[in-house]
Amino acid sequence: MQLLLYDEPRETSMVELASLLDLSPTAVGGQLRRSSARLIEDVLLDDDRE
């Protein structure tokens, strides 16, 4: 299954994704924001260490 949440135009909505995961759209959105922030922070910190 391919979830295209980040494609433009989006092919999957937050509501659809939340339904698939049996979570609320708010919970899914929060998790995506936290995960994205963590990923960006890890990449930037890795660049600073080189």
Protein backbone atom coordinates (compact mmCIF):
# COMPACT_ATOMS: atom_id res chain seq x y z
CA MET A 1 0.00 0.00 0.00
CA GLN A 2 1.36 3.38 -0.97
CA LEU A 3 0.19 6.38 1.06
CA LEU A 4 0.81 9.58 -0.84
CA LEU A 5 0.28 12.13 1.93
CA TYR A 6 3.20 14.34 0.86
CA ASP A 7 2.52 14.32 -2.89
CA GLU A 8 1.00 17.36 -4.57
CA PRO A 9 -1.87 17.04 -5.07
CA ARG A 10 -2.31 14.76 -2.09
CA GLU A 11 -3.71 11.36 -2.91
CA THR A 12 -4.28 10.44 0.75
CA SER A 13 -5.90 12.69 3.32
CA MET A 14 -5.04 12.88 7.01
CA VAL A 15 -8.52 11.52 7.76
CA GLU A 16 -7.95 8.51 5.48
CA LEU A 17 -4.55 7.83 7.01
CA ALA A 18 -5.94 8.15 10.53
CA SER A 19 -8.72 5.72 9.69
CA LEU A 20 -6.23 3.16 8.36
CA LEU A 21 -4.16 3.48 11.55
CA ASP A 22 -7.24 3.51 13.82
CA LEU A 23 -6.16 6.86 15.28
CA SER A 24 -7.62 10.34 15.31
CA PRO A 25 -6.49 12.78 12.61
CA THR A 26 -5.10 14.97 15.41
CA ALA A 27 -2.95 12.12 16.73
CA VAL A 28 -1.65 11.30 13.25
CA GLY A 29 -0.87 14.95 12.52
CA GLY A 30 0.97 15.35 15.80
CA GLN A 31 3.00 12.21 15.22
CA LEU A 32 3.93 13.31 11.70
CA ARG A 33 5.00 16.75 12.97
CA ARG A 34 7.11 15.27 15.78
CA SER A 35 8.67 12.69 13.46
CA SER A 36 9.48 15.31 10.83
CA ALA A 37 11.03 17.60 13.44
CA ARG A 38 13.12 14.74 14.83
CA LEU A 39 14.32 13.75 11.36
CA ILE A 40 15.28 17.32 10.44
CA GLU A 41 17.06 17.81 13.76
CA ASP A 42 19.00 14.55 13.36
CA VAL A 43 20.09 15.47 9.83
CA LEU A 44 21.19 18.96 10.86
CA LEU A 45 23.05 17.68 13.92
CA ASP A 46 24.81 15.05 11.79
CA ASP A 47 25.97 17.78 9.39
CA ASP A 48 27.36 19.83 12.30
CA ARG A 49 29.44 16.90 13.55
CA GLU A 50 31.35 16.38 10.30
